Amino acid sequence: MLGDPRTTLAQGLHALMIAEVADKVGWEHLIALAQDLGQTQLVERFRKADKQEQEHVQRVSRWLSAYTSATARMV
């Protein structure tokens, strides 16, 4: 989708947000699984990755909010 020249910035940001949220949920599931299996070293590594994904979600959310606000002011 992002490689398609017909994709708008809004569509690209939405697609990026979906991907980042999916990544975040994936890390949350891996953390839970590692906890259930008693894999404490993996839990710590996965938590670091999860924290980074949370930062990605927040960053893309800011971009999407800024774009939405800018677009609304143009109307």
PDB file of N, CA and C in Angstrom:
ATOM      1  N   MET A   1       0.819  -1.192   0.000  1.00  0.00           N
ATOM      2  CA  MET A   1       0.000   0.000   0.000  1.00  0.00           C
ATOM      3  C   MET A   1       0.863   1.256   0.000  1.00  0.00           C
ATOM      4  N   LEU A   2       1.870   1.286   0.840  1.00  0.00           N
ATOM      5  CA  LEU A   2       2.678   2.496   0.935  1.00  0.00           C
ATOM      6  C   LEU A   2       3.465   2.771  -0.337  1.00  0.00           C
ATOM      7  N   GLY A   3       3.723   1.742  -1.131  1.00  0.00           N
ATOM      8  CA  GLY A   3       4.444   1.930  -2.378  1.00  0.00           C
ATOM      9  C   GLY A   3       3.564   2.380  -3.527  1.00  0.00           C
ATOM     10  N   ASP A   4       2.272   2.363  -3.320  1.00  0.00           N
ATOM     11  CA  ASP A   4       1.321   2.753  -4.360  1.00  0.00           C
ATOM     12  C   ASP A   4       1.260   4.277  -4.433  1.00  0.00           C
ATOM     13  N   PRO A   5       1.548   4.867  -5.588  1.00  0.00           N
ATOM     14  CA  PRO A   5       1.547   6.331  -5.694  1.00  0.00           C
ATOM     15  C   PRO A   5       0.179   6.969  -5.463  1.00  0.00           C
ATOM     16  N   ARG A   6      -0.884   6.177  -5.496  1.00  0.00           N
ATOM     17  CA  ARG A   6      -2.224   6.728  -5.251  1.00  0.00           C
ATOM     18  C   ARG A   6      -2.528   6.848  -3.756  1.00  0.00           C
ATOM     19  N   THR A   7      -1.671   6.284  -2.924  1.00  0.00           N
ATOM     20  CA  THR A   7      -1.884   6.325  -1.479  1.00  0.00           C
ATOM     21  C   THR A   7      -1.667   7.740  -0.967  1.00  0.00           C
ATOM     22  N   THR A   8      -2.628   8.237  -0.206  1.00  0.00           N
ATOM     23  CA  THR A   8      -2.502   9.575   0.371  1.00  0.00           C
ATOM     24  C   THR A   8      -1.657   9.511   1.643  1.00  0.00           C
ATOM     25  N   LEU A   9      -1.239  10.665   2.103  1.00  0.00           N
ATOM     26  CA  LEU A   9      -0.482  10.724   3.348  1.00  0.00           C
ATOM     27  C   LEU A   9      -1.321  10.178   4.502  1.00  0.00           C
ATOM     28  N   ALA A  10      -2.578  10.537   4.545  1.00  0.00           N
ATOM     29  CA  ALA A  10      -3.462  10.050   5.614  1.00  0.00           C
ATOM     30  C   ALA A  10      -3.556   8.525   5.584  1.00  0.00           C
ATOM     31  N   GLN A  11      -3.718   7.962   4.409  1.00  0.00           N
ATOM     32  CA  GLN A  11      -3.799   6.504   4.288  1.00  0.00           C
ATOM     33  C   GLN A  11      -2.490   5.846   4.720  1.00  0.00           C
ATOM     34  N   GLY A  12      -1.384   6.441   4.340  1.00  0.00           N
ATOM     35  CA  GLY A  12      -0.085   5.907   4.729  1.00  0.00           C
ATOM     36  C   GLY A  12       0.121   5.948   6.230  1.00  0.00           C
ATOM     37  N   LEU A  13      -0.284   7.046   6.846  1.00  0.00           N
ATOM     38  CA  LEU A  13      -0.151   7.155   8.300  1.00  0.00           C
ATOM     39  C   LEU A  13      -1.055   6.158   9.021  1.00  0.00           C
ATOM     40  N   HIS A  14      -2.251   5.971   8.499  1.00  0.00           N
ATOM     41  CA  HIS A  14      -3.152   4.973   9.092  1.00  0.00           C
ATOM     42  C   HIS A  14      -2.559   3.566   8.972  1.00  0.00           C
ATOM     43  N   ALA A  15      -2.011   3.248   7.822  1.00  0.00           N
ATOM     44  CA  ALA A  15      -1.394   1.935   7.623  1.00  0.00           C
ATOM     45  C   ALA A  15      -0.207   1.742   8.563  1.00  0.00           C
ATOM     46  N   LEU A  16       0.572   2.791   8.714  1.00  0.00           N
ATOM     47  CA  LEU A  16       1.719   2.726   9.616  1.00  0.00           C
ATOM     48  C   LEU A  16       1.264   2.533  11.060  1.00  0.00           C
ATOM     49  N   MET A  17       0.197   3.224  11.453  1.00  0.00           N
ATOM     50  CA  MET A  17      -0.333   3.081  12.809  1.00  0.00           C
ATOM     51  C   MET A  17      -0.808   1.651  13.055  1.00  0.00           C
ATOM     52  N   ILE A  18      -1.502   1.086  12.096  1.00  0.00           N
ATOM     53  CA  ILE A  18      -1.979  -0.294  12.237  1.00  0.00           C
ATOM     54  C   ILE A  18      -0.797  -1.242  12.419  1.00  0.00           C
ATOM     55  N   ALA A  19       0.250  -1.055  11.645  1.00  0.00           N
ATOM     56  CA  ALA A  19       1.429  -1.919  11.748  1.00  0.00           C
ATOM     57  C   ALA A  19       2.106  -1.771  13.109  1.00  0.00           C
ATOM     58  N   GLU A  20       2.229  -0.549  13.582  1.00  0.00           N
ATOM     59  CA  GLU A  20       2.880  -0.324  14.878  1.00  0.00           C
ATOM     60  C   GLU A  20       2.060  -0.910  16.029  1.00  0.00           C
ATOM     61  N   VAL A  21       0.761  -0.751  15.979  1.00  0.00           N
ATOM     62  CA  VAL A  21      -0.094  -1.317  17.028  1.00  0.00           C
ATOM     63  C   VAL A  21      -0.023  -2.845  16.994  1.00  0.00           C
ATOM     64  N   ALA A  22      -0.014  -3.411  15.807  1.00  0.00           N
ATOM     65  CA  ALA A  22       0.106  -4.866  15.693  1.00  0.00           C
ATOM     66  C   ALA A  22       1.435  -5.344  16.278  1.00  0.00           C
ATOM     67  N   ASP A  23       2.511  -4.624  16.012  1.00  0.00           N
ATOM     68  CA  ASP A  23       3.812  -4.975  16.597  1.00  0.00           C
ATOM     69  C   ASP A  23       3.762  -4.913  18.120  1.00  0.00           C
ATOM     70  N   LYS A  24       3.147  -3.865  18.635  1.00  0.00           N
ATOM     71  CA  LYS A  24       3.049  -3.684  20.093  1.00  0.00           C
ATOM     72  C   LYS A  24       2.303  -4.854  20.724  1.00  0.00           C
ATOM     73  N   VAL A  25       1.183  -5.229  20.156  1.00  0.00           N
ATOM     74  CA  VAL A  25       0.391  -6.340  20.680  1.00  0.00           C
ATOM     75  C   VAL A  25       1.184  -7.647  20.595  1.00  0.00           C
ATOM     76  N   GLY A  26       1.926  -7.817  19.529  1.00  0.00           N
ATOM     77  CA  GLY A  26       2.759  -9.010  19.386  1.00  0.00           C
ATOM     78  C   GLY A  26       3.779  -9.134  20.508  1.00  0.00           C
ATOM     79  N   TRP A  27       4.447  -8.030  20.847  1.00  0.00           N
ATOM     80  CA  TRP A  27       5.409  -8.060  21.950  1.00  0.00           C
ATOM     81  C   TRP A  27       4.713  -8.339  23.278  1.00  0.00           C
ATOM     82  N   GLU A  28       3.526  -7.790  23.464  1.00  0.00           N
ATOM     83  CA  GLU A  28       2.782  -8.058  24.697  1.00  0.00           C
ATOM     84  C   GLU A  28       2.472  -9.548  24.839  1.00  0.00           C
ATOM     85  N   HIS A  29       2.108 -10.170  23.732  1.00  0.00           N
ATOM     86  CA  HIS A  29       1.822 -11.611  23.762  1.00  0.00           C
ATOM     87  C   HIS A  29       3.088 -12.424  24.029  1.00  0.00           C
ATOM     88  N   LEU A  30       4.190 -12.020  23.423  1.00  0.00           N
ATOM     89  CA  LEU A  30       5.446 -12.721  23.669  1.00  0.00           C
ATOM     90  C   LEU A  30       5.886 -12.583  25.125  1.00  0.00           C
ATOM     91  N   ILE A  31       5.679 -11.418  25.708  1.00  0.00           N
ATOM     92  CA  ILE A  31       6.002 -11.217  27.127  1.00  0.00           C
ATOM     93  C   ILE A  31       5.179 -12.164  27.984  1.00  0.00           C
ATOM     94  N   ALA A  32       3.891 -12.226  27.725  1.00  0.00           N
ATOM     95  CA  ALA A  32       3.012 -13.110  28.505  1.00  0.00           C
ATOM     96  C   ALA A  32       3.428 -14.565  28.353  1.00  0.00           C
ATOM     97  N   LEU A  33       3.751 -14.971  27.144  1.00  0.00           N
ATOM     98  CA  LEU A  33       4.168 -16.348  26.902  1.00  0.00           C
ATOM     99  C   LEU A  33       5.471 -16.660  27.643  1.00  0.00           C
ATOM    100  N   ALA A  34       6.432 -15.756  27.541  1.00  0.00           N
ATOM    101  CA  ALA A  34       7.715 -15.969  28.218  1.00  0.00           C
ATOM    102  C   ALA A  34       7.517 -16.020  29.742  1.00  0.00           C
ATOM    103  N   GLN A  35       6.630 -15.185  30.255  1.00  0.00           N
ATOM    104  CA  GLN A  35       6.333 -15.227  31.693  1.00  0.00           C
ATOM    105  C   GLN A  35       5.728 -16.570  32.077  1.00  0.00           C
ATOM    106  N   ASP A  36       4.779 -17.035  31.298  1.00  0.00           N
ATOM    107  CA  ASP A  36       4.131 -18.324  31.577  1.00  0.00           C
ATOM    108  C   ASP A  36       5.136 -19.472  31.571  1.00  0.00           C
ATOM    109  N   LEU A  37       6.174 -19.352  30.744  1.00  0.00           N
ATOM    110  CA  LEU A  37       7.176 -20.409  30.630  1.00  0.00           C
ATOM    111  C   LEU A  37       8.361 -20.208  31.576  1.00  0.00           C
ATOM    112  N   GLY A  38       8.297 -19.130  32.371  1.00  0.00           N
ATOM    113  CA  GLY A  38       9.373 -18.871  33.334  1.00  0.00           C
ATOM    114  C   GLY A  38      10.677 -18.413  32.699  1.00  0.00           C
ATOM    115  N   GLN A  39      10.599 -17.843  31.530  1.00  0.00           N
ATOM    116  CA  GLN A  39      11.791 -17.387  30.797  1.00  0.00           C
ATOM    117  C   GLN A  39      12.088 -15.923  31.140  1.00  0.00           C
ATOM    118  N   THR A  40      12.628 -15.692  32.328  1.00  0.00           N
ATOM    119  CA  THR A  40      12.818 -14.320  32.816  1.00  0.00           C
ATOM    120  C   THR A  40      13.757 -13.497  31.945  1.00  0.00           C
ATOM    121  N   GLN A  41      14.791 -14.127  31.394  1.00  0.00           N
ATOM    122  CA  GLN A  41      15.709 -13.368  30.533  1.00  0.00           C
ATOM    123  C   GLN A  41      14.997 -12.890  29.272  1.00  0.00           C
ATOM    124  N   LEU A  42      14.174 -13.746  28.713  1.00  0.00           N
ATOM    125  CA  LEU A  42      13.412 -13.345  27.528  1.00  0.00           C
ATOM    126  C   LEU A  42      12.397 -12.263  27.864  1.00  0.00           C
ATOM    127  N   VAL A  43      11.770 -12.373  29.033  1.00  0.00           N
ATOM    128  CA  VAL A  43      10.797 -11.360  29.445  1.00  0.00           C
ATOM    129  C   VAL A  43      11.446  -9.987  29.446  1.00  0.00           C
ATOM    130  N   GLU A  44      12.634  -9.879  30.006  1.00  0.00           N
ATOM    131  CA  GLU A  44      13.322  -8.580  30.055  1.00  0.00           C
ATOM    132  C   GLU A  44      13.667  -8.070  28.657  1.00  0.00           C
ATOM    133  N   ARG A  45      14.132  -8.948  27.797  1.00  0.00           N
ATOM    134  CA  ARG A  45      14.447  -8.538  26.427  1.00  0.00           C
ATOM    135  C   ARG A  45      13.187  -8.104  25.687  1.00  0.00           C
ATOM    136  N   PHE A  46      12.116  -8.861  25.864  1.00  0.00           N
ATOM    137  CA  PHE A  46      10.861  -8.537  25.195  1.00  0.00           C
ATOM    138  C   PHE A  46      10.281  -7.223  25.722  1.00  0.00           C
ATOM    139  N   ARG A  47      10.445  -6.977  27.010  1.00  0.00           N
ATOM    140  CA  ARG A  47       9.946  -5.706  27.577  1.00  0.00           C
ATOM    141  C   ARG A  47      10.665  -4.508  26.980  1.00  0.00           C
ATOM    142  N   LYS A  48      11.960  -4.658  26.742  1.00  0.00           N
ATOM    143  CA  LYS A  48      12.712  -3.565  26.099  1.00  0.00           C
ATOM    144  C   LYS A  48      12.170  -3.305  24.692  1.00  0.00           C
ATOM    145  N   ALA A  49      11.931  -4.379  23.955  1.00  0.00           N
ATOM    146  CA  ALA A  49      11.377  -4.229  22.604  1.00  0.00           C
ATOM    147  C   ALA A  49       9.975  -3.639  22.660  1.00  0.00           C
ATOM    148  N   ASP A  50       9.185  -4.064  23.648  1.00  0.00           N
ATOM    149  CA  ASP A  50       7.829  -3.541  23.815  1.00  0.00           C
ATOM    150  C   ASP A  50       7.856  -2.040  24.112  1.00  0.00           C
ATOM    151  N   LYS A  51       8.789  -1.621  24.937  1.00  0.00           N
ATOM    152  CA  LYS A  51       8.919  -0.190  25.254  1.00  0.00           C
ATOM    153  C   LYS A  51       9.242   0.607  23.994  1.00  0.00           C
ATOM    154  N   GLN A  52      10.124   0.053  23.175  1.00  0.00           N
ATOM    155  CA  GLN A  52      10.473   0.725  21.920  1.00  0.00           C
ATOM    156  C   GLN A  52       9.259   0.798  20.992  1.00  0.00           C
ATOM    157  N   GLU A  53       8.481  -0.270  20.937  1.00  0.00           N
ATOM    158  CA  GLU A  53       7.275  -0.253  20.114  1.00  0.00           C
ATOM    159  C   GLU A  53       6.275   0.784  20.620  1.00  0.00           C
ATOM    160  N   GLN A  54       6.166   0.926  21.934  1.00  0.00           N
ATOM    161  CA  GLN A  54       5.265   1.938  22.497  1.00  0.00           C
ATOM    162  C   GLN A  54       5.686   3.334  22.045  1.00  0.00           C
ATOM    163  N   GLU A  55       7.002   3.556  22.000  1.00  0.00           N
ATOM    164  CA  GLU A  55       7.507   4.846  21.513  1.00  0.00           C
ATOM    165  C   GLU A  55       7.140   5.049  20.043  1.00  0.00           C
ATOM    166  N   HIS A  56       7.200   3.982  19.257  1.00  0.00           N
ATOM    167  CA  HIS A  56       6.826   4.067  17.842  1.00  0.00           C
ATOM    168  C   HIS A  56       5.344   4.414  17.698  1.00  0.00           C
ATOM    169  N   VAL A  57       4.502   3.742  18.492  1.00  0.00           N
ATOM    170  CA  VAL A  57       3.063   4.012  18.440  1.00  0.00           C
ATOM    171  C   VAL A  57       2.796   5.473  18.793  1.00  0.00           C
ATOM    172  N   GLN A  58       3.441   5.961  19.830  1.00  0.00           N
ATOM    173  CA  GLN A  58       3.241   7.355  20.241  1.00  0.00           C
ATOM    174  C   GLN A  58       3.702   8.331  19.171  1.00  0.00           C
ATOM    175  N   ARG A  59       4.838   8.024  18.542  1.00  0.00           N
ATOM    176  CA  ARG A  59       5.367   8.907  17.497  1.00  0.00           C
ATOM    177  C   ARG A  59       4.411   8.979  16.307  1.00  0.00           C
ATOM    178  N   VAL A  60       3.966   7.829  15.836  1.00  0.00           N
ATOM    179  CA  VAL A  60       3.057   7.803  14.688  1.00  0.00           C
ATOM    180  C   VAL A  60       1.728   8.462  15.060  1.00  0.00           C
ATOM    181  N   SER A  61       1.288   8.264  16.288  1.00  0.00           N
ATOM    182  CA  SER A  61       0.056   8.905  16.748  1.00  0.00           C
ATOM    183  C   SER A  61       0.189  10.431  16.705  1.00  0.00           C
ATOM    184  N   ARG A  62       1.341  10.939  17.111  1.00  0.00           N
ATOM    185  CA  ARG A  62       1.564  12.399  17.037  1.00  0.00           C
ATOM    186  C   ARG A  62       1.537  12.876  15.594  1.00  0.00           C
ATOM    187  N   TRP A  63       2.176  12.116  14.704  1.00  0.00           N
ATOM    188  CA  TRP A  63       2.172  12.499  13.288  1.00  0.00           C
ATOM    189  C   TRP A  63       0.748  12.521  12.738  1.00  0.00           C
ATOM    190  N   LEU A  64      -0.013  11.498  13.079  1.00  0.00           N
ATOM    191  CA  LEU A  64      -1.389  11.399  12.581  1.00  0.00           C
ATOM    192  C   LEU A  64      -2.246  12.526  13.140  1.00  0.00           C
ATOM    193  N   SER A  65      -2.072  12.834  14.415  1.00  0.00           N
ATOM    194  CA  SER A  65      -2.826  13.936  15.028  1.00  0.00           C
ATOM    195  C   SER A  65      -2.464  15.272  14.395  1.00  0.00           C
ATOM    196  N   ALA A  66      -1.179  15.484  14.169  1.00  0.00           N
ATOM    197  CA  ALA A  66      -0.734  16.739  13.557  1.00  0.00           C
ATOM    198  C   ALA A  66      -1.290  16.879  12.144  1.00  0.00           C
ATOM    199  N   TYR A  67      -1.255  15.796  11.381  1.00  0.00           N
ATOM    200  CA  TYR A  67      -1.791  15.835  10.024  1.00  0.00           C
ATOM    201  C   TYR A  67      -3.290  16.102  10.046  1.00  0.00           C
ATOM    202  N   THR A  68      -4.002  15.429  10.938  1.00  0.00           N
ATOM    203  CA  THR A  68      -5.454  15.603  11.034  1.00  0.00           C
ATOM    204  C   THR A  68      -5.797  17.036  11.416  1.00  0.00           C
ATOM    205  N   SER A  69      -5.064  17.593  12.383  1.00  0.00           N
ATOM    206  CA  SER A  69      -5.312  18.972  12.804  1.00  0.00           C
ATOM    207  C   SER A  69      -5.028  19.961  11.682  1.00  0.00           C
ATOM    208  N   ALA A  70      -3.921  19.749  10.988  1.00  0.00           N
ATOM    209  CA  ALA A  70      -3.553  20.653   9.885  1.00  0.00           C
ATOM    210  C   ALA A  70      -4.593  20.577   8.767  1.00  0.00           C
ATOM    211  N   THR A  71      -5.048  19.383   8.469  1.00  0.00           N
ATOM    212  CA  THR A  71      -6.049  19.200   7.416  1.00  0.00           C
ATOM    213  C   THR A  71      -7.378  19.835   7.805  1.00  0.00           C
ATOM    214  N   ALA A  72      -7.757  19.714   9.064  1.00  0.00           N
ATOM    215  CA  ALA A  72      -9.027  20.284   9.536  1.00  0.00           C
ATOM    216  C   ALA A  72      -8.995  21.818   9.452  1.00  0.00           C
ATOM    217  N   ARG A  73      -7.843  22.408   9.699  1.00  0.00           N
ATOM    218  CA  ARG A  73      -7.736  23.874   9.627  1.00  0.00           C
ATOM    219  C   ARG A  73      -7.828  24.385   8.190  1.00  0.00           C
ATOM    220  N   MET A  74      -7.534  23.523   7.229  1.00  0.00           N
ATOM    221  CA  MET A  74      -7.566  23.930   5.823  1.00  0.00           C
ATOM    222  C   MET A  74      -8.977  23.952   5.268  1.00  0.00           C
ATOM    223  N   VAL A  75      -9.884  23.270   5.944  1.00  0.00           N
ATOM    224  CA  VAL A  75     -11.242  23.135   5.416  1.00  0.00           C
ATOM    225  C   VAL A  75     -12.069  24.328   5.762  1.00  0.00           C
TER     226      VAL A  75
END
